[in-house]
């Protein structure tokens, strides 16, 4: 006897596999509907699993009138399909040869009865599969229409974290239907699913990537007071002291003498060369002078997004050479202002990355999540304090999602 398991997306595909592999005389021993993939049932797919066998025979009891061995074997081979092979197509009953029934022993009768019972179960399973497929879309629609009602605590937590209503509803609409879960498991599993979905809702760039033998220039731009100079120092310390890369500093922030002196101090402490550019032409010459560096970090002057002239100056300053631009935004800024800043700075220069600072100065992280999700600009780093170089880290989707959900009081 040969027994083998098969699995396919649909019942028909599974049956085709059985027939192709074991032939038309295969016996279906077991059929069940399974779920594959996904996270705790979320986004899982339906599949059909079958256990089939070939080579099942029925021995006849001793009988004085039994035919010769060869004739008996021939009779069994002709009778076996009629006795034991299950008809898997719906609506076609399984039959057995009446002429040979009287010579089948009780064990064989039990096997036949079990196979007939499994056939009935198979038909029930087929109906269940058809029903689940036809009901899938209407069920999803019911969930999406009443998502806040099904997840009132999560909806309140998102609003409390200053996630707008429309985005909060969208997040909840993408959660699985928890009605099939036990009441005790619903909240924890829904929270886990929400965190996972939120983590994948935002683009993340990873660290600044460097190429050996090729200097890379990275400029930090943004409004006044968001901590660009301090963030430049943190990145410089990370790459120079931890990663052991050759780093150079360039500041074009000549509006504030204190900013230049601050950056020079950091450069002296870390033994990093620093240059000051007063015009776009000096930017080009300064970058060329530090061509032996792996990374050149460019500090720019803070500009109010409402001052179009100042913002547009970035185009002339950063328009020379290939400079990767990170827009630095404070997490404590109101959502409306964050959106305005992204819009105005993007109009003045190319924005490659978002970098959020001052996460230690707010408890409502839904604003930065909303901005990142709606802008589709990858997020590079976040800063969580003033200490150099400790208070900076790579932006991470799961951590940001947990921070947003912290208002629910669950870690």
Foldseek 3Di string as FASTA:
>chain_A
DDKDKFKDQAPVVRVVVCCVPPNQQKAWQAKDKDWDDDDPPQPTGIMMMTMIDPDDFFDFDDDPPDDDPVVNVVVRVVQVSLQGHADQDPPDHRHGDPVCVVRGDPVSVVNSVSSNVNSVVSVVRNVVVVVCVVCVVVVLVVCLVCQCVVVVLQQVLLVVLVADNVVSSVLSSSFDDCPVPDPVCRVVVRLVRSLVVLLVLFAADEADDWDPLFEAEAEEAEAPPLCQLLQLLQVCCCCCVPVVFQEAEEEAAPVDPVSVVVNVVSCVVSVHHYYYDPFLVSLVVVCVVVRVGRYYYYYYHHDQLVPLVVLLSVCSNVVPDDYAYEYEEEQPDDLVRVVSRVVSNVVNDPHQEYEYEQPQVDQNNSSVSNCRSVVNHHHFKYAHDSDHNPGIDGDGSSVSSCSSSCSSVDD
